[in-house]
Amino acid sequence: MSRNYKFYNPEGIYFISFAVIEWLYVFTRKEYKNIIIDSLHYCQKEKGLEIFAWCIMTIHIHLIFRSIKKTKPELLIGDFKRFTSKAIVNAIINNPKESNKLINEKINYIHNNPVTIFSTNVSHNIKTFALIK
């Protein structure tokens, strides 16, 4: 989610749209959309973000906003995007539905299993099975 916006009037109302890098379908799960919504609420309460309209789609977000606490709009949006992107990446990594951790464990188990079984009985087969990995 990166783009350099030009905000010429600090008190102005702006329409911005930002997309996920490589247009990946990230905002398909409710928990990821909730991270965005929670971040927007936080920015409203703590950073002076006034939101007029917003829309979350599967690969991008539209937002009409202004800054009401003398915070530069580019800093406000930069903070929002930085925090939100880290939170979403964290959620994806820690989500068992998304993470490859379990799959990688099972692949390693499958690859190493023949080596473990045959290591005591057939030593010349160890190299053959290890090459599969």
N, C-alpha and C. Protein backbone atom coordinates (compact mmCIF):
# COMPACT_ATOMS: atom_id res chain seq x y z
N MET A 1 0.84 -1.18 0.00
CA MET A 1 0.00 0.00 0.00
C MET A 1 0.89 1.24 0.00
N SER A 2 1.45 1.58 -1.11
CA SER A 2 2.31 2.75 -1.11
C SER A 2 1.98 3.66 -2.28
N ARG A 3 1.98 4.92 -2.00
CA ARG A 3 1.79 5.95 -3.01
C ARG A 3 2.09 7.28 -2.34
N ASN A 4 2.70 8.18 -3.08
CA ASN A 4 2.98 9.50 -2.52
C ASN A 4 1.87 10.46 -2.93
N TYR A 5 1.11 10.91 -1.95
CA TYR A 5 0.04 11.85 -2.21
C TYR A 5 0.54 13.26 -1.96
N LYS A 6 -0.02 14.20 -2.69
CA LYS A 6 0.28 15.62 -2.50
C LYS A 6 -0.93 16.27 -1.84
N PHE A 7 -0.73 16.72 -0.61
CA PHE A 7 -1.80 17.39 0.14
C PHE A 7 -1.40 18.86 0.26
N TYR A 8 -2.05 19.72 -0.52
CA TYR A 8 -1.66 21.12 -0.56
C TYR A 8 -2.32 21.95 0.53
N ASN A 9 -3.47 21.53 1.01
CA ASN A 9 -4.19 22.27 2.04
C ASN A 9 -4.35 21.36 3.26
N PRO A 10 -3.67 21.65 4.38
CA PRO A 10 -3.73 20.78 5.56
C PRO A 10 -5.15 20.59 6.11
N GLU A 11 -6.04 21.56 5.88
CA GLU A 11 -7.41 21.43 6.37
C GLU A 11 -8.38 20.94 5.30
N GLY A 12 -7.88 20.63 4.13
CA GLY A 12 -8.74 20.23 3.01
C GLY A 12 -9.33 18.84 3.17
N ILE A 13 -10.37 18.61 2.40
CA ILE A 13 -11.00 17.29 2.35
C ILE A 13 -10.41 16.57 1.13
N TYR A 14 -10.00 15.34 1.35
CA TYR A 14 -9.31 14.59 0.30
C TYR A 14 -9.95 13.23 0.06
N PHE A 15 -9.90 12.82 -1.21
CA PHE A 15 -10.25 11.46 -1.60
C PHE A 15 -8.95 10.74 -1.92
N ILE A 16 -8.72 9.62 -1.27
CA ILE A 16 -7.55 8.81 -1.58
C ILE A 16 -7.99 7.37 -1.81
N SER A 17 -7.18 6.68 -2.56
CA SER A 17 -7.42 5.27 -2.82
C SER A 17 -6.07 4.59 -2.77
N PHE A 18 -5.98 3.51 -2.03
CA PHE A 18 -4.71 2.77 -2.00
C PHE A 18 -4.97 1.29 -2.11
N ALA A 19 -4.06 0.63 -2.81
CA ALA A 19 -4.22 -0.79 -3.12
C ALA A 19 -3.14 -1.60 -2.44
N VAL A 20 -3.40 -2.87 -2.32
CA VAL A 20 -2.43 -3.81 -1.78
C VAL A 20 -1.35 -4.01 -2.84
N ILE A 21 -0.11 -4.15 -2.40
CA ILE A 21 0.99 -4.37 -3.32
C ILE A 21 0.72 -5.63 -4.13
N GLU A 22 0.98 -5.54 -5.42
CA GLU A 22 0.76 -6.63 -6.39
C GLU A 22 -0.71 -7.03 -6.50
N TRP A 23 -1.60 -6.20 -6.04
CA TRP A 23 -3.04 -6.41 -6.16
C TRP A 23 -3.48 -7.77 -5.63
N LEU A 24 -2.94 -8.16 -4.50
CA LEU A 24 -3.31 -9.42 -3.87
C LEU A 24 -4.66 -9.27 -3.17
N TYR A 25 -5.45 -10.32 -3.15
CA TYR A 25 -6.76 -10.31 -2.52
C TYR A 25 -6.60 -10.51 -1.01
N VAL A 26 -6.27 -9.44 -0.32
CA VAL A 26 -6.00 -9.51 1.12
C VAL A 26 -7.26 -9.30 1.95
N PHE A 27 -8.10 -8.38 1.54
CA PHE A 27 -9.24 -8.00 2.37
C PHE A 27 -10.46 -8.88 2.10
N THR A 28 -10.24 -10.17 2.05
CA THR A 28 -11.34 -11.10 1.80
C THR A 28 -11.90 -11.67 3.10
N ARG A 29 -11.11 -11.69 4.13
CA ARG A 29 -11.56 -12.22 5.42
C ARG A 29 -12.02 -11.09 6.32
N LYS A 30 -13.06 -11.36 7.08
CA LYS A 30 -13.64 -10.36 7.97
C LYS A 30 -12.62 -9.83 8.98
N GLU A 31 -11.75 -10.72 9.50
CA GLU A 31 -10.79 -10.29 10.51
C GLU A 31 -9.80 -9.26 9.95
N TYR A 32 -9.48 -9.32 8.66
CA TYR A 32 -8.57 -8.34 8.07
C TYR A 32 -9.28 -7.01 7.84
N LYS A 33 -10.54 -7.08 7.45
CA LYS A 33 -11.32 -5.85 7.31
C LYS A 33 -11.49 -5.17 8.67
N ASN A 34 -11.68 -5.98 9.71
CA ASN A 34 -11.83 -5.41 11.06
C ASN A 34 -10.57 -4.70 11.52
N ILE A 35 -9.41 -5.17 11.11
CA ILE A 35 -8.16 -4.48 11.45
C ILE A 35 -8.17 -3.09 10.84
N ILE A 36 -8.61 -2.98 9.59
CA ILE A 36 -8.68 -1.67 8.94
C ILE A 36 -9.67 -0.77 9.67
N ILE A 37 -10.83 -1.30 9.97
CA ILE A 37 -11.86 -0.52 10.66
C ILE A 37 -11.38 -0.07 12.04
N ASP A 38 -10.74 -0.97 12.78
CA ASP A 38 -10.20 -0.60 14.09
C ASP A 38 -9.13 0.48 13.97
N SER A 39 -8.30 0.39 12.95
CA SER A 39 -7.27 1.40 12.72
C SER A 39 -7.89 2.76 12.38
N LEU A 40 -8.94 2.73 11.56
CA LEU A 40 -9.63 3.98 11.24
C LEU A 40 -10.25 4.60 12.50
N HIS A 41 -10.87 3.77 13.34
CA HIS A 41 -11.46 4.27 14.59
C HIS A 41 -10.38 4.87 15.49
N TYR A 42 -9.25 4.21 15.59
CA TYR A 42 -8.14 4.72 16.40
C TYR A 42 -7.68 6.08 15.87
N CYS A 43 -7.51 6.18 14.57
CA CYS A 43 -7.08 7.45 13.98
C CYS A 43 -8.12 8.55 14.18
N GLN A 44 -9.39 8.17 14.19
CA GLN A 44 -10.43 9.16 14.46
C GLN A 44 -10.31 9.69 15.89
N LYS A 45 -10.14 8.79 16.85
CA LYS A 45 -10.12 9.19 18.26
C LYS A 45 -8.82 9.86 18.67
N GLU A 46 -7.70 9.33 18.18
CA GLU A 46 -6.40 9.76 18.69
C GLU A 46 -5.63 10.70 17.78
N LYS A 47 -5.87 10.64 16.48
CA LYS A 47 -5.03 11.38 15.54
C LYS A 47 -5.75 12.53 14.85
N GLY A 48 -7.05 12.64 15.04
CA GLY A 48 -7.79 13.74 14.41
C GLY A 48 -8.22 13.46 12.98
N LEU A 49 -8.48 12.22 12.67
CA LEU A 49 -8.97 11.85 11.35
C LEU A 49 -10.49 12.01 11.33
N GLU A 50 -10.97 12.83 10.42
CA GLU A 50 -12.42 12.95 10.21
C GLU A 50 -12.75 12.24 8.90
N ILE A 51 -13.62 11.25 8.99
CA ILE A 51 -13.95 10.43 7.83
C ILE A 51 -15.33 10.81 7.32
N PHE A 52 -15.42 11.07 6.02
CA PHE A 52 -16.70 11.38 5.38
C PHE A 52 -17.28 10.14 4.70
N ALA A 53 -16.42 9.31 4.15
CA ALA A 53 -16.85 8.07 3.51
C ALA A 53 -15.65 7.15 3.36
N TRP A 54 -15.94 5.85 3.36
CA TRP A 54 -14.87 4.87 3.13
C TRP A 54 -15.47 3.62 2.52
N CYS A 55 -14.63 2.86 1.85
CA CYS A 55 -15.06 1.62 1.22
C CYS A 55 -13.86 0.66 1.19
N ILE A 56 -14.06 -0.54 1.72
CA ILE A 56 -13.02 -1.56 1.70
C ILE A 56 -13.42 -2.61 0.68
N MET A 57 -12.58 -2.79 -0.32
CA MET A 57 -12.79 -3.84 -1.32
C MET A 57 -11.71 -4.90 -1.14
N THR A 58 -11.74 -5.94 -1.93
CA THR A 58 -10.83 -7.07 -1.71
C THR A 58 -9.36 -6.70 -1.89
N ILE A 59 -9.06 -5.73 -2.75
CA ILE A 59 -7.66 -5.39 -3.00
C ILE A 59 -7.33 -3.92 -2.80
N HIS A 60 -8.32 -3.10 -2.49
CA HIS A 60 -8.00 -1.69 -2.25
C HIS A 60 -9.06 -1.02 -1.37
N ILE A 61 -8.72 0.21 -0.98
CA ILE A 61 -9.55 0.98 -0.05
C ILE A 61 -9.74 2.38 -0.62
N HIS A 62 -10.95 2.91 -0.50
CA HIS A 62 -11.22 4.32 -0.82
C HIS A 62 -11.54 5.03 0.49
N LEU A 63 -11.10 6.27 0.59
CA LEU A 63 -11.31 7.04 1.82
C LEU A 63 -11.45 8.52 1.48
N ILE A 64 -12.51 9.14 2.00
CA ILE A 64 -12.66 10.59 1.92
C ILE A 64 -12.52 11.10 3.34
N PHE A 65 -11.56 11.99 3.57
CA PHE A 65 -11.21 12.37 4.93
C PHE A 65 -10.62 13.79 4.97
N ARG A 66 -10.43 14.24 6.20
CA ARG A 66 -9.61 15.42 6.45
C ARG A 66 -9.01 15.31 7.84
N SER A 67 -7.99 16.11 8.08
CA SER A 67 -7.33 16.14 9.38
C SER A 67 -7.89 17.31 10.17
N ILE A 68 -8.31 17.07 11.41
CA ILE A 68 -8.92 18.15 12.20
C ILE A 68 -8.08 18.53 13.42
N LYS A 69 -6.92 17.92 13.61
CA LYS A 69 -6.08 18.25 14.76
C LYS A 69 -4.74 18.84 14.33
N LYS A 70 -4.72 19.55 13.24
CA LYS A 70 -3.51 20.20 12.74
C LYS A 70 -2.40 19.21 12.36
N THR A 71 -2.74 17.93 12.26
CA THR A 71 -1.78 16.94 11.80
C THR A 71 -1.77 16.98 10.27
N LYS A 72 -0.59 16.98 9.68
CA LYS A 72 -0.52 16.97 8.23
C LYS A 72 -1.20 15.70 7.70
N PRO A 73 -2.04 15.84 6.68
CA PRO A 73 -2.75 14.67 6.14
C PRO A 73 -1.82 13.54 5.72
N GLU A 74 -0.67 13.88 5.12
CA GLU A 74 0.24 12.83 4.67
C GLU A 74 0.83 12.04 5.85
N LEU A 75 1.05 12.72 6.98
CA LEU A 75 1.55 12.02 8.17
C LEU A 75 0.46 11.15 8.79
N LEU A 76 -0.74 11.67 8.80
CA LEU A 76 -1.89 10.93 9.33
C LEU A 76 -2.12 9.64 8.54
N ILE A 77 -2.15 9.75 7.23
CA ILE A 77 -2.37 8.58 6.38
C ILE A 77 -1.16 7.65 6.42
N GLY A 78 0.03 8.23 6.48
CA GLY A 78 1.23 7.41 6.60
C GLY A 78 1.22 6.56 7.85
N ASP A 79 0.85 7.16 8.98
CA ASP A 79 0.74 6.41 10.24
C ASP A 79 -0.32 5.31 10.14
N PHE A 80 -1.45 5.66 9.57
CA PHE A 80 -2.53 4.68 9.41
C PHE A 80 -2.07 3.48 8.57
N LYS A 81 -1.47 3.77 7.42
CA LYS A 81 -1.05 2.69 6.52
C LYS A 81 0.07 1.85 7.12
N ARG A 82 1.01 2.50 7.78
CA ARG A 82 2.14 1.78 8.38
C ARG A 82 1.65 0.81 9.47
N PHE A 83 0.84 1.32 10.40
CA PHE A 83 0.33 0.48 11.48
C PHE A 83 -0.57 -0.63 10.94
N THR A 84 -1.48 -0.26 10.06
CA THR A 84 -2.46 -1.22 9.54
C THR A 84 -1.79 -2.32 8.73
N SER A 85 -0.85 -1.96 7.89
CA SER A 85 -0.19 -2.99 7.07
C SER A 85 0.58 -3.97 7.94
N LYS A 86 1.26 -3.48 8.98
CA LYS A 86 1.98 -4.39 9.89
C LYS A 86 1.00 -5.30 10.62
N ALA A 87 -0.12 -4.75 11.06
CA ALA A 87 -1.11 -5.55 11.79
C ALA A 87 -1.72 -6.62 10.89
N ILE A 88 -1.99 -6.29 9.64
CA ILE A 88 -2.57 -7.26 8.71
C ILE A 88 -1.56 -8.36 8.37
N VAL A 89 -0.33 -7.97 8.11
CA VAL A 89 0.71 -8.98 7.82
C VAL A 89 0.86 -9.92 9.01
N ASN A 90 0.89 -9.36 10.21
CA ASN A 90 0.96 -10.18 11.44
C ASN A 90 -0.22 -11.14 11.53
N ALA A 91 -1.41 -10.63 11.26
CA ALA A 91 -2.61 -11.47 11.34
C ALA A 91 -2.57 -12.59 10.31
N ILE A 92 -2.07 -12.30 9.13
CA ILE A 92 -1.97 -13.33 8.09
C ILE A 92 -0.95 -14.40 8.50
N ILE A 93 0.19 -13.96 9.00
CA ILE A 93 1.23 -14.91 9.41
C ILE A 93 0.74 -15.81 10.54
N ASN A 94 -0.01 -15.24 11.47
CA ASN A 94 -0.46 -16.00 12.64
C ASN A 94 -1.80 -16.71 12.43
N ASN A 95 -2.41 -16.55 11.28
CA ASN A 95 -3.68 -17.20 10.99
C ASN A 95 -3.40 -18.60 10.44
N PRO A 96 -3.85 -19.64 11.14
CA PRO A 96 -3.57 -21.00 10.66
C PRO A 96 -4.18 -21.28 9.29
N LYS A 97 -5.22 -20.55 8.92
CA LYS A 97 -5.82 -20.75 7.60
C LYS A 97 -4.93 -20.19 6.49
N GLU A 98 -4.09 -19.22 6.83
CA GLU A 98 -3.24 -18.55 5.85
C GLU A 98 -1.79 -19.01 5.91
N SER A 99 -1.35 -19.37 7.08
CA SER A 99 0.06 -19.65 7.30
C SER A 99 0.49 -20.97 6.66
N ASN A 100 1.69 -21.00 6.14
CA ASN A 100 2.27 -22.21 5.59
C ASN A 100 3.03 -23.01 6.63
N LYS A 101 3.04 -22.54 7.87
CA LYS A 101 3.82 -23.19 8.91
C LYS A 101 3.44 -24.66 9.06
N LEU A 102 2.16 -24.94 9.19
CA LEU A 102 1.70 -26.32 9.36
C LEU A 102 2.03 -27.16 8.13
N ILE A 103 1.81 -26.61 6.96
CA ILE A 103 2.11 -27.33 5.72
C ILE A 103 3.60 -27.64 5.64
N ASN A 104 4.44 -26.65 5.95
CA ASN A 104 5.89 -26.87 5.91
C ASN A 104 6.33 -27.92 6.91
N GLU A 105 5.71 -27.93 8.09
CA GLU A 105 6.03 -28.97 9.08
C GLU A 105 5.71 -30.36 8.53
N LYS A 106 4.55 -30.49 7.89
CA LYS A 106 4.14 -31.79 7.34
C LYS A 106 5.03 -32.21 6.17
N ILE A 107 5.42 -31.27 5.34
CA ILE A 107 6.32 -31.57 4.23
C ILE A 107 7.67 -32.06 4.77
N ASN A 108 8.19 -31.36 5.77
CA ASN A 108 9.46 -31.79 6.38
C ASN A 108 9.31 -33.17 7.01
N TYR A 109 8.19 -33.41 7.64
CA TYR A 109 7.93 -34.72 8.24
C TYR A 109 7.95 -35.82 7.17
N ILE A 110 7.25 -35.56 6.07
CA ILE A 110 7.19 -36.54 4.99
C ILE A 110 8.57 -36.78 4.39
N HIS A 111 9.32 -35.70 4.17
CA HIS A 111 10.65 -35.84 3.57
C HIS A 111 11.63 -36.54 4.50
N ASN A 112 11.54 -36.27 5.78
CA ASN A 112 12.50 -36.84 6.73
C ASN A 112 12.08 -38.21 7.26
N ASN A 113 10.82 -38.55 7.11
CA ASN A 113 10.32 -39.81 7.64
C ASN A 113 11.05 -41.04 7.08
N PRO A 114 11.22 -41.17 5.75
CA PRO A 114 11.94 -42.35 5.24
C PRO A 114 13.37 -42.42 5.76
N VAL A 115 14.02 -41.28 5.89
CA VAL A 115 15.39 -41.25 6.40
C VAL A 115 15.42 -41.79 7.82
N THR A 116 14.48 -41.39 8.64
CA THR A 116 14.43 -41.83 10.03
C THR A 116 14.14 -43.32 10.12
N ILE A 117 13.20 -43.79 9.34
CA ILE A 117 12.81 -45.20 9.40
C ILE A 117 13.95 -46.12 8.96
N PHE A 118 14.60 -45.77 7.86
CA PHE A 118 15.59 -46.66 7.28
C PHE A 118 17.03 -46.39 7.75
N SER A 119 17.23 -45.40 8.56
CA SER A 119 18.60 -45.05 8.94
C SER A 119 19.29 -46.15 9.73
N THR A 120 18.55 -46.92 10.50
CA THR A 120 19.19 -47.97 11.29
C THR A 120 19.34 -49.27 10.51
N ASN A 121 18.48 -49.50 9.52
CA ASN A 121 18.50 -50.78 8.81
C ASN A 121 19.26 -50.73 7.48
N VAL A 122 19.01 -49.70 6.70
CA VAL A 122 19.58 -49.67 5.35
C VAL A 122 20.33 -48.35 5.18
N SER A 123 21.60 -48.35 5.49
CA SER A 123 22.37 -47.10 5.47
C SER A 123 22.58 -46.57 4.06
N HIS A 124 22.67 -47.43 3.04
CA HIS A 124 22.92 -46.93 1.68
C HIS A 124 21.69 -46.24 1.09
N ASN A 125 20.50 -46.46 1.64
CA ASN A 125 19.28 -45.80 1.15
C ASN A 125 19.08 -44.41 1.73
N ILE A 126 19.81 -44.06 2.74
CA ILE A 126 19.64 -42.75 3.38
C ILE A 126 19.86 -41.64 2.36
N LYS A 127 20.91 -41.73 1.59
CA LYS A 127 21.21 -40.68 0.61
C LYS A 127 20.13 -40.62 -0.46
N THR A 128 19.62 -41.74 -0.87
CA THR A 128 18.57 -41.77 -1.89
C THR A 128 17.31 -41.06 -1.39
N PHE A 129 16.89 -41.37 -0.18
CA PHE A 129 15.70 -40.72 0.37
C PHE A 129 15.95 -39.25 0.67
N ALA A 130 17.14 -38.90 1.09
CA ALA A 130 17.45 -37.51 1.40
C ALA A 130 17.43 -36.65 0.15
N LEU A 131 17.71 -37.23 -1.01
CA LEU A 131 17.70 -36.46 -2.25
C LEU A 131 16.30 -35.99 -2.62
N ILE A 132 15.30 -36.67 -2.13
CA ILE A 132 13.92 -36.26 -2.41
C ILE A 132 13.68 -34.85 -1.88
N LYS A 133 14.26 -34.56 -0.76
CA LYS A 133 14.09 -33.26 -0.12
C LYS A 133 14.66 -32.20 -1.01
